[in-house]
Each structure stands twice: as structure tokens, then as C-alpha cells.
N, C-alpha and C. Protein backbone atom coordinates (compact mmCIF):
# COMPACT_ATOMS: atom_id res chain seq x y z
N MET A 1 99.72 127.85 104.50
CA MET A 1 100.75 126.95 104.83
C MET A 1 100.34 125.94 106.14
N LYS A 2 99.58 126.48 106.89
CA LYS A 2 99.11 125.58 107.89
C LYS A 2 98.34 124.14 107.44
N LEU A 3 97.56 124.45 106.54
CA LEU A 3 96.80 123.41 105.90
C LEU A 3 97.84 122.43 105.25
N LEU A 4 98.88 122.92 104.54
CA LEU A 4 99.70 122.03 103.88
C LEU A 4 100.42 121.09 104.93
N LYS A 5 100.90 121.89 106.04
CA LYS A 5 101.62 121.08 107.12
C LYS A 5 100.81 120.08 107.78
N PHE A 6 99.51 120.34 107.92
CA PHE A 6 98.50 119.42 108.54
C PHE A 6 98.45 118.25 107.51
N VAL A 7 98.33 118.44 106.36
CA VAL A 7 98.18 117.31 105.35
C VAL A 7 99.30 116.43 105.22
N LEU A 8 100.64 117.15 105.31
CA LEU A 8 101.88 116.33 105.31
C LEU A 8 101.88 115.64 106.56
N ALA A 9 101.53 116.07 107.67
CA ALA A 9 101.62 115.33 108.94
C ALA A 9 100.51 114.08 108.78
N PHE A 10 99.55 114.33 108.25
CA PHE A 10 98.45 113.31 107.99
C PHE A 10 99.01 112.25 107.19
N PHE A 11 99.54 112.65 106.04
CA PHE A 11 99.99 111.50 105.22
C PHE A 11 101.27 110.71 105.78
N ALA A 12 102.12 111.36 106.44
CA ALA A 12 103.25 110.77 107.06
C ALA A 12 102.66 109.68 108.13
N CYS A 13 101.52 110.28 108.98
CA CYS A 13 101.04 109.21 110.05
C CYS A 13 100.33 108.15 109.40
N VAL A 14 99.55 108.36 108.38
CA VAL A 14 98.90 107.13 107.71
C VAL A 14 100.05 106.16 106.98
N LEU A 15 101.06 106.72 106.46
CA LEU A 15 102.11 105.95 105.89
C LEU A 15 103.00 105.27 106.97
N LEU A 16 103.17 105.86 108.21
CA LEU A 16 103.85 105.14 109.22
C LEU A 16 102.96 104.10 109.78
N ARG A 17 101.78 104.30 109.90
CA ARG A 17 100.64 103.13 110.37
C ARG A 17 100.83 102.01 109.42
N LEU A 18 100.82 102.25 108.23
CA LEU A 18 100.86 101.20 107.16
C LEU A 18 102.18 100.28 107.37
N VAL A 19 103.21 101.08 107.52
CA VAL A 19 104.59 100.52 107.64
C VAL A 19 104.73 99.60 108.94
N PHE A 20 104.17 100.13 110.06
CA PHE A 20 104.09 99.38 111.22
C PHE A 20 102.83 98.52 111.54
N GLN A 21 102.10 98.37 110.57
CA GLN A 21 100.68 97.63 110.88
C GLN A 21 100.88 96.11 111.32
N ALA A 22 102.10 95.55 111.12
CA ALA A 22 102.24 94.14 111.69
C ALA A 22 102.47 94.27 113.20
N TYR A 23 102.66 95.25 113.71
CA TYR A 23 102.84 95.51 115.25
C TYR A 23 101.59 96.11 115.76
N PRO A 24 100.84 95.43 116.44
CA PRO A 24 99.51 95.95 116.99
C PRO A 24 99.80 97.04 117.77
N ASN A 25 98.93 98.17 117.57
CA ASN A 25 99.10 99.26 118.41
C ASN A 25 100.25 100.03 118.52
N PHE A 26 101.25 99.81 117.44
CA PHE A 26 102.62 100.49 117.46
C PHE A 26 102.16 101.61 116.31
N GLU A 27 101.83 102.84 116.62
CA GLU A 27 101.35 103.69 115.72
C GLU A 27 101.72 105.17 116.29
N PRO A 28 101.77 106.06 115.27
CA PRO A 28 102.25 107.47 115.53
C PRO A 28 101.00 108.51 115.80
N ILE A 29 99.82 108.08 115.76
CA ILE A 29 98.82 109.15 115.81
C ILE A 29 98.94 110.01 117.00
N VAL A 30 99.21 109.72 118.14
CA VAL A 30 99.31 110.54 119.23
C VAL A 30 100.39 111.43 119.26
N ALA A 31 101.68 110.71 118.69
CA ALA A 31 102.94 111.51 118.63
C ALA A 31 102.79 112.66 117.52
N LEU A 32 101.97 112.55 116.56
CA LEU A 32 101.81 113.46 115.43
C LEU A 32 100.66 114.38 115.67
N ALA A 33 99.84 113.91 116.65
CA ALA A 33 98.57 114.88 116.88
C ALA A 33 99.22 116.09 117.92
N ILE A 34 100.19 115.86 118.63
CA ILE A 34 100.74 116.71 119.55
C ILE A 34 101.32 117.95 118.98
N PRO A 35 102.20 117.85 117.92
CA PRO A 35 102.66 119.05 117.16
C PRO A 35 101.59 119.78 116.50
N VAL A 36 100.76 118.96 115.89
CA VAL A 36 99.50 119.69 115.22
C VAL A 36 98.74 120.46 116.22
N ALA A 37 98.35 119.85 117.25
CA ALA A 37 97.51 120.55 118.38
C ALA A 37 98.28 121.82 118.78
N ALA A 38 99.53 121.68 119.29
CA ALA A 38 100.35 122.67 119.62
C ALA A 38 100.27 123.80 118.57
N SER A 39 100.62 123.63 117.44
CA SER A 39 100.68 124.53 116.44
C SER A 39 99.29 125.25 116.02
N MET A 40 98.38 124.26 115.91
CA MET A 40 97.13 124.75 115.30
C MET A 40 96.03 124.80 116.30
N GLY A 41 95.95 124.24 117.45
CA GLY A 41 94.92 124.43 118.46
C GLY A 41 94.25 123.03 118.62
N GLY A 42 93.39 123.05 119.52
CA GLY A 42 92.61 121.82 119.93
C GLY A 42 91.87 121.24 118.97
N LEU A 43 91.14 122.08 118.06
CA LEU A 43 90.27 121.49 117.27
C LEU A 43 91.01 120.79 115.91
N ALA A 44 92.14 121.41 115.62
CA ALA A 44 92.86 120.88 114.71
C ALA A 44 93.55 119.50 115.22
N GLY A 45 93.94 119.39 116.45
CA GLY A 45 94.39 118.17 116.95
C GLY A 45 93.37 117.19 117.03
N PHE A 46 92.02 117.57 117.29
CA PHE A 46 90.99 116.72 117.25
C PHE A 46 90.84 116.20 115.97
N LEU A 47 90.66 117.01 114.76
CA LEU A 47 90.45 116.43 113.50
C LEU A 47 91.63 115.59 112.91
N PHE A 48 92.75 116.04 113.25
CA PHE A 48 93.94 115.29 112.81
C PHE A 48 93.88 113.84 113.30
N ALA A 49 93.58 113.73 114.58
CA ALA A 49 93.54 112.41 115.11
C ALA A 49 92.27 111.47 114.71
N VAL A 50 91.28 112.13 114.65
CA VAL A 50 90.00 111.30 113.93
C VAL A 50 90.32 110.97 112.49
N LEU A 51 90.71 111.91 111.68
CA LEU A 51 90.85 111.58 110.30
C LEU A 51 92.19 110.51 109.98
N ALA A 52 93.14 110.67 110.94
CA ALA A 52 94.14 109.73 110.73
C ALA A 52 93.62 108.26 111.04
N ASN A 53 92.81 108.09 112.23
CA ASN A 53 92.34 106.78 112.31
C ASN A 53 91.28 106.32 111.38
N LEU A 54 90.37 107.17 111.04
CA LEU A 54 89.39 106.88 109.99
C LEU A 54 89.88 106.24 108.80
N SER A 55 90.96 107.09 108.29
CA SER A 55 91.54 106.78 107.10
C SER A 55 92.32 105.62 107.11
N PHE A 56 92.93 105.22 108.19
CA PHE A 56 93.64 104.05 108.24
C PHE A 56 92.72 102.76 108.23
N ASP A 57 91.55 102.92 108.98
CA ASP A 57 90.62 101.68 108.99
C ASP A 57 90.14 101.57 107.67
N PHE A 58 89.73 102.60 107.01
CA PHE A 58 89.31 102.34 105.56
C PHE A 58 90.16 101.90 104.70
N ILE A 59 91.60 102.53 104.63
CA ILE A 59 92.60 101.77 103.77
C ILE A 59 92.78 100.39 103.88
N SER A 60 92.90 100.01 105.28
CA SER A 60 93.25 98.64 105.68
C SER A 60 92.02 97.54 105.60
N GLY A 61 90.81 98.21 105.32
CA GLY A 61 89.63 97.32 105.23
C GLY A 61 89.15 96.88 106.60
N ARG A 62 89.45 97.61 107.74
CA ARG A 62 88.99 97.09 108.94
C ARG A 62 88.06 98.27 109.79
N VAL A 63 86.99 98.42 108.92
CA VAL A 63 86.02 99.34 109.32
C VAL A 63 84.88 98.66 110.05
N GLY A 64 84.52 99.12 111.35
CA GLY A 64 83.46 98.41 111.97
C GLY A 64 82.98 99.48 112.99
N LEU A 65 82.19 99.08 113.88
CA LEU A 65 81.77 100.02 114.94
C LEU A 65 82.72 100.56 115.71
N TRP A 66 83.90 99.85 115.97
CA TRP A 66 85.05 100.29 116.73
C TRP A 66 85.75 101.44 115.92
N THR A 67 85.44 101.71 114.69
CA THR A 67 85.96 102.79 113.89
C THR A 67 85.50 104.10 114.36
N VAL A 68 84.31 104.05 114.74
CA VAL A 68 83.61 105.16 115.20
C VAL A 68 84.24 105.53 116.65
N TYR A 69 84.19 104.53 117.67
CA TYR A 69 84.60 105.05 118.97
C TYR A 69 86.23 105.24 119.16
N THR A 70 87.00 104.36 118.32
CA THR A 70 88.42 104.68 118.47
C THR A 70 88.80 106.10 117.76
N SER A 71 88.13 106.35 116.67
CA SER A 71 88.30 107.64 116.16
C SER A 71 88.06 108.76 117.08
N LEU A 72 86.76 108.70 117.64
CA LEU A 72 86.43 109.69 118.56
C LEU A 72 87.41 109.81 119.73
N ALA A 73 87.66 108.69 120.35
CA ALA A 73 88.84 108.66 121.42
C ALA A 73 90.16 109.34 121.02
N TYR A 74 90.53 108.98 119.86
CA TYR A 74 91.80 109.70 119.36
C TYR A 74 91.48 111.05 119.19
N GLY A 75 90.46 111.41 118.82
CA GLY A 75 90.00 112.94 118.67
C GLY A 75 90.21 113.65 119.96
N PHE A 76 89.62 113.05 120.97
CA PHE A 76 89.75 113.50 122.37
C PHE A 76 91.24 113.59 122.78
N VAL A 77 92.00 112.79 122.47
CA VAL A 77 93.41 112.72 122.70
C VAL A 77 94.16 113.93 122.20
N GLY A 78 93.62 114.08 120.74
CA GLY A 78 94.20 115.00 119.90
C GLY A 78 93.88 116.60 120.46
N PHE A 79 92.76 116.73 120.94
CA PHE A 79 92.36 118.00 121.58
C PHE A 79 93.05 118.01 122.90
N GLY A 80 93.16 116.94 123.72
CA GLY A 80 93.80 116.84 125.08
C GLY A 80 95.17 117.24 124.74
N ALA A 81 95.89 116.94 123.71
CA ALA A 81 97.31 117.54 123.54
C ALA A 81 97.43 119.10 123.76
N TRP A 82 96.46 119.73 123.01
CA TRP A 82 96.57 121.16 123.16
C TRP A 82 96.26 121.52 124.60
N PHE A 83 95.25 120.99 125.22
CA PHE A 83 94.93 121.32 126.58
C PHE A 83 96.16 121.08 127.44
N PHE A 84 96.76 119.97 127.43
CA PHE A 84 97.70 119.52 128.26
C PHE A 84 98.84 120.47 128.10
N LEU A 85 99.33 120.80 126.78
CA LEU A 85 100.48 121.65 126.49
C LEU A 85 100.50 123.15 126.70
N LYS A 86 99.14 123.62 126.63
CA LYS A 86 99.03 124.98 126.72
C LYS A 86 99.54 125.78 127.92
N GLY A 87 99.86 125.13 129.01
CA GLY A 87 100.34 125.71 130.11
C GLY A 87 101.84 125.36 130.43
N ARG A 88 102.46 124.70 129.44
CA ARG A 88 103.87 124.12 129.67
C ARG A 88 104.75 124.45 128.56
N GLU A 89 106.05 124.37 128.97
CA GLU A 89 107.14 124.60 127.91
C GLU A 89 106.95 123.36 126.87
N LEU A 90 107.23 123.67 125.72
CA LEU A 90 107.06 122.58 124.75
C LEU A 90 108.57 121.87 124.58
N LYS A 91 108.52 120.75 125.57
CA LYS A 91 109.88 120.27 125.67
C LYS A 91 109.64 118.70 125.42
N LEU A 92 110.65 117.89 125.29
CA LEU A 92 110.51 116.29 124.97
C LEU A 92 109.94 115.74 126.13
N LYS A 93 110.14 116.01 127.34
CA LYS A 93 109.56 115.39 128.42
C LYS A 93 107.96 115.56 128.54
N HIS A 94 107.55 116.73 127.99
CA HIS A 94 106.04 116.92 127.84
C HIS A 94 105.37 116.20 126.80
N PHE A 95 106.19 116.19 125.72
CA PHE A 95 105.73 115.35 124.66
C PHE A 95 105.47 113.94 124.97
N VAL A 96 106.46 113.40 125.53
CA VAL A 96 106.55 111.96 125.96
C VAL A 96 105.31 111.79 127.04
N GLY A 97 105.46 112.59 128.12
CA GLY A 97 104.52 112.49 129.18
C GLY A 97 103.06 112.52 128.61
N PHE A 98 102.71 113.41 127.67
CA PHE A 98 101.39 113.43 127.12
C PHE A 98 101.12 112.14 126.39
N SER A 99 102.02 111.72 125.72
CA SER A 99 101.79 110.36 124.88
C SER A 99 101.62 109.46 125.80
N VAL A 100 102.17 109.26 126.90
CA VAL A 100 101.67 108.31 127.82
C VAL A 100 100.38 108.27 128.41
N LEU A 101 100.08 109.55 128.82
CA LEU A 101 98.64 109.80 129.29
C LEU A 101 97.56 109.67 128.17
N GLY A 102 98.03 110.07 127.02
CA GLY A 102 96.87 109.91 125.84
C GLY A 102 96.78 108.54 125.67
N VAL A 103 97.68 107.77 125.59
CA VAL A 103 97.59 106.23 125.24
C VAL A 103 96.80 105.65 126.35
N LEU A 104 97.13 105.98 127.50
CA LEU A 104 96.37 105.26 128.62
C LEU A 104 94.78 105.61 128.65
N PHE A 105 94.62 106.97 128.40
CA PHE A 105 93.22 107.25 128.07
C PHE A 105 92.57 106.56 127.12
N PHE A 106 93.21 106.65 125.98
CA PHE A 106 92.62 105.90 124.80
C PHE A 106 92.38 104.40 124.89
N ASP A 107 93.39 103.68 125.55
CA ASP A 107 93.23 102.42 125.53
C ASP A 107 92.13 101.98 126.67
N LEU A 108 91.97 102.78 127.73
CA LEU A 108 91.02 102.39 128.73
C LEU A 108 89.63 102.66 128.16
N VAL A 109 89.49 103.90 127.42
CA VAL A 109 88.06 103.99 126.93
C VAL A 109 87.67 103.01 125.83
N THR A 110 88.70 102.72 124.90
CA THR A 110 88.27 101.87 123.72
C THR A 110 88.13 100.49 124.23
N ALA A 111 89.04 100.00 125.30
CA ALA A 111 89.00 98.82 125.76
C ALA A 111 87.79 98.35 126.26
N LEU A 112 87.12 99.45 127.01
CA LEU A 112 85.74 99.18 127.81
C LEU A 112 84.68 99.17 126.71
N LEU A 113 84.79 100.06 125.67
CA LEU A 113 83.91 99.93 124.75
C LEU A 113 83.93 98.73 123.64
N PHE A 114 85.04 98.36 123.51
CA PHE A 114 85.21 97.14 122.80
C PHE A 114 84.77 95.81 123.54
N GLY A 115 84.94 95.76 124.81
CA GLY A 115 84.51 94.77 125.70
C GLY A 115 82.88 94.64 125.65
N LEU A 116 82.25 95.85 125.77
CA LEU A 116 80.86 96.01 125.76
C LEU A 116 80.32 95.59 124.34
N GLN A 117 81.08 96.10 123.33
CA GLN A 117 80.56 95.76 121.92
C GLN A 117 80.59 94.16 121.73
N PHE A 118 81.52 93.28 122.12
CA PHE A 118 81.66 92.01 121.97
C PHE A 118 81.24 91.04 123.23
N GLY A 119 80.54 91.85 124.30
CA GLY A 119 80.22 91.02 125.30
C GLY A 119 81.09 90.31 126.33
N GLN A 120 82.26 90.96 126.43
CA GLN A 120 83.20 90.30 127.07
C GLN A 120 83.14 90.69 128.58
N THR A 121 83.53 90.15 129.53
CA THR A 121 83.62 90.56 130.94
C THR A 121 84.44 91.52 131.20
N LEU A 122 84.36 92.36 132.09
CA LEU A 122 85.35 93.33 132.58
C LEU A 122 86.65 92.88 132.75
N GLN A 123 86.84 91.82 133.55
CA GLN A 123 88.09 91.13 133.76
C GLN A 123 88.75 90.70 132.63
N ASN A 124 87.92 90.03 131.69
CA ASN A 124 88.69 89.55 130.40
C ASN A 124 89.06 90.66 129.49
N THR A 125 88.25 91.55 129.45
CA THR A 125 88.56 92.76 128.79
C THR A 125 89.88 93.52 129.19
N LEU A 126 89.99 93.70 130.51
CA LEU A 126 91.22 94.28 130.94
C LEU A 126 92.50 93.48 131.07
N ILE A 127 92.38 92.25 131.22
CA ILE A 127 93.43 91.48 131.23
C ILE A 127 94.04 91.32 129.69
N GLY A 128 92.88 91.13 128.89
CA GLY A 128 93.37 90.99 127.38
C GLY A 128 93.89 92.37 126.85
N GLN A 129 93.65 93.39 127.53
CA GLN A 129 94.08 94.61 126.81
C GLN A 129 95.48 94.86 127.31
N ILE A 130 96.08 94.30 128.18
CA ILE A 130 97.41 94.53 128.95
C ILE A 130 98.44 94.42 127.70
N PRO A 131 98.61 93.36 126.88
CA PRO A 131 99.63 93.41 125.86
C PRO A 131 99.52 94.35 124.73
N PHE A 132 98.21 94.67 124.61
CA PHE A 132 97.93 95.85 123.43
C PHE A 132 98.47 97.21 124.10
N THR A 133 98.06 97.52 125.35
CA THR A 133 98.49 98.77 125.86
C THR A 133 100.06 98.89 126.02
N MET A 134 100.56 97.79 126.18
CA MET A 134 102.07 97.83 126.30
C MET A 134 102.71 98.14 125.05
N ASN A 135 102.30 97.48 124.00
CA ASN A 135 102.73 97.72 122.52
C ASN A 135 102.35 99.26 122.19
N HIS A 136 101.25 99.66 122.57
CA HIS A 136 100.80 101.14 122.23
C HIS A 136 101.59 101.98 123.24
N LEU A 137 102.01 101.74 124.34
CA LEU A 137 102.88 102.58 124.99
C LEU A 137 104.34 102.65 124.52
N LEU A 138 104.75 101.51 124.11
CA LEU A 138 106.13 101.42 123.46
C LEU A 138 106.09 102.26 122.25
N GLY A 139 105.02 101.93 121.37
CA GLY A 139 105.09 102.71 120.15
C GLY A 139 104.95 104.25 120.31
N SER A 140 104.10 104.64 121.15
CA SER A 140 103.79 106.07 121.47
C SER A 140 105.06 106.72 121.99
N ILE A 141 105.79 106.14 122.97
CA ILE A 141 106.94 106.57 123.46
C ILE A 141 108.20 106.69 122.41
N PHE A 142 108.15 105.64 121.63
CA PHE A 142 109.21 105.61 120.49
C PHE A 142 108.90 106.92 119.49
N PHE A 143 107.72 106.94 119.11
CA PHE A 143 107.22 107.95 118.24
C PHE A 143 107.44 109.29 118.66
N SER A 144 107.03 109.48 120.03
CA SER A 144 107.13 110.87 120.68
C SER A 144 108.62 111.36 120.96
N LEU A 145 109.46 110.41 120.99
CA LEU A 145 110.97 110.69 121.22
C LEU A 145 111.46 110.85 119.81
N THR A 146 110.97 110.49 118.68
CA THR A 146 111.43 110.69 117.48
C THR A 146 110.76 111.56 116.55
N ILE A 147 109.50 111.17 116.15
CA ILE A 147 108.87 112.09 115.23
C ILE A 147 108.18 113.50 115.82
N THR A 148 107.87 113.44 117.15
CA THR A 148 107.25 114.47 117.66
C THR A 148 108.18 115.63 117.76
N PRO A 149 109.52 115.54 118.32
CA PRO A 149 110.33 116.71 118.24
C PRO A 149 110.69 117.03 116.87
N LEU A 150 110.93 116.22 115.82
CA LEU A 150 111.31 116.56 114.54
C LEU A 150 110.26 117.25 113.91
N ALA A 151 109.00 116.85 113.95
CA ALA A 151 107.80 117.55 113.49
C ALA A 151 107.61 118.91 114.01
N TRP A 152 107.82 119.07 115.24
CA TRP A 152 107.63 120.22 115.96
C TRP A 152 108.76 121.18 115.46
N ALA A 153 109.89 120.87 115.55
CA ALA A 153 111.09 121.75 115.32
C ALA A 153 111.15 122.11 113.86
N PHE A 154 110.87 121.23 112.94
CA PHE A 154 111.00 121.70 111.47
C PHE A 154 109.75 122.01 110.79
N PHE A 155 108.67 121.79 111.32
CA PHE A 155 107.33 122.02 110.56
C PHE A 155 106.28 123.09 111.37
N PHE A 156 106.21 122.77 112.61
CA PHE A 156 105.13 123.33 113.32
C PHE A 156 105.59 124.52 114.29
N ARG A 157 106.63 124.55 114.87
CA ARG A 157 107.24 125.48 115.90
C ARG A 157 106.90 126.88 115.58
N HIS A 158 107.19 127.38 114.36
CA HIS A 158 107.05 128.70 113.94
C HIS A 158 105.56 129.20 113.73
N GLU A 159 104.60 128.36 113.76
CA GLU A 159 103.27 128.91 113.66
C GLU A 159 102.46 128.44 114.85
N SER A 160 103.00 128.33 115.99
CA SER A 160 102.36 127.75 117.22
C SER A 160 101.46 128.64 117.69
N VAL A 161 100.20 128.08 118.06
CA VAL A 161 99.13 128.88 118.73
C VAL A 161 99.50 128.88 120.32
N LEU A 162 100.44 128.29 120.71
CA LEU A 162 100.82 128.04 122.16
C LEU A 162 102.20 128.94 122.29
N PRO A 163 102.38 129.74 123.46
CA PRO A 163 103.72 130.46 123.44
C PRO A 163 104.91 129.24 123.54
N VAL A 164 105.85 129.62 122.65
CA VAL A 164 107.02 128.79 122.50
C VAL A 164 108.13 129.38 123.39
N ALA A 165 108.20 128.62 124.58
CA ALA A 165 109.17 128.97 125.57
C ALA A 165 110.56 128.34 125.36
N SER A 166 110.67 127.21 124.76
CA SER A 166 111.80 126.58 124.47
C SER A 166 111.56 125.66 123.38
N SER A 167 112.76 125.09 122.79
CA SER A 167 112.53 124.09 121.78
C SER A 167 112.44 122.79 122.31
N ALA A 168 112.09 121.80 121.42
CA ALA A 168 112.14 120.43 121.97
C ALA A 168 113.61 119.91 122.16
């Protein structure tokens, strides 16, 4: 049953990324990695986020060196969701809080690597990253307020590897 839930969350994530692809960085990977990691553990959160990013890059024909480091960065965010939530009640404020932290980590790491890959100065990289990070934060907060609690409550809560102290 856990594998089916993982696959359903994965397909929902890829579908939502395709629907929202016109909005740069407005995507649900972090928001759906949260309930996957809370239910199945850090490794599942890592794999979910890596596969969701890899598959989107392949489907959209946007494969490049960035696919490797963005997928790995998302993987660490997926693992981080489990690590962040393991000592907390699984509540909306923690879902949103982690999505903000996860996006900031992801955007910092990938911006620096992207800048290095294309020979940009650190100043240009960081200034150019601001609008993307703003979109990414808006999307992640939106999705962590909507899909994370729904996915958690209806699909993942009953099989949690973390103690379920309260509902979202």
C-alpha cells in the first residue's frame, strides 16, 4: 500500500508541475515530499524528490547538468523533511515552515551551482535568483497550505514512521 501511495503522490507531483510549468519555480515537489518523508522516512523523501525532479526534466526536455544537482538538492530537501519533522507535531505550521526552509536551502545551493556552471559572478547569480526564489516560495507555501495537509490527512497519516501527535 505504501508503494501505491508513493506512486500516486509522484504522479500527482509530475502532473501539477506540468500544469504549472508556465510559472517558473511554482512547483509542488517540497510540498509532496513532506508527507512522503513523514510517512515513509528520509530515504523515501529523498527518492521521491529526486525522481519527481528527474522525471519532469526528462518529460519537458530540459535535461542538462542542472538536472543532476537540482535533483540531488531536492533529494536532500526530501530527506530533510523527515529530519525536520521527526521531533515535531505534524501540523500545518510545520509543513509551511519546512517548505520555506527547504526552498531557501534548495535555491541557495542550486543558484550557486548554476552560477558556477555558466560562469556568472556571485553578485549576478544572487541578484538574478531573487525573482525565482520569490516564485518558488510562493508556490511552495501555496502547495504546503493546500496539498500537504490533504495528502497527509487522506493518504499518509495512517502509515506514519513518525509519531502522529495531531492532525494537520
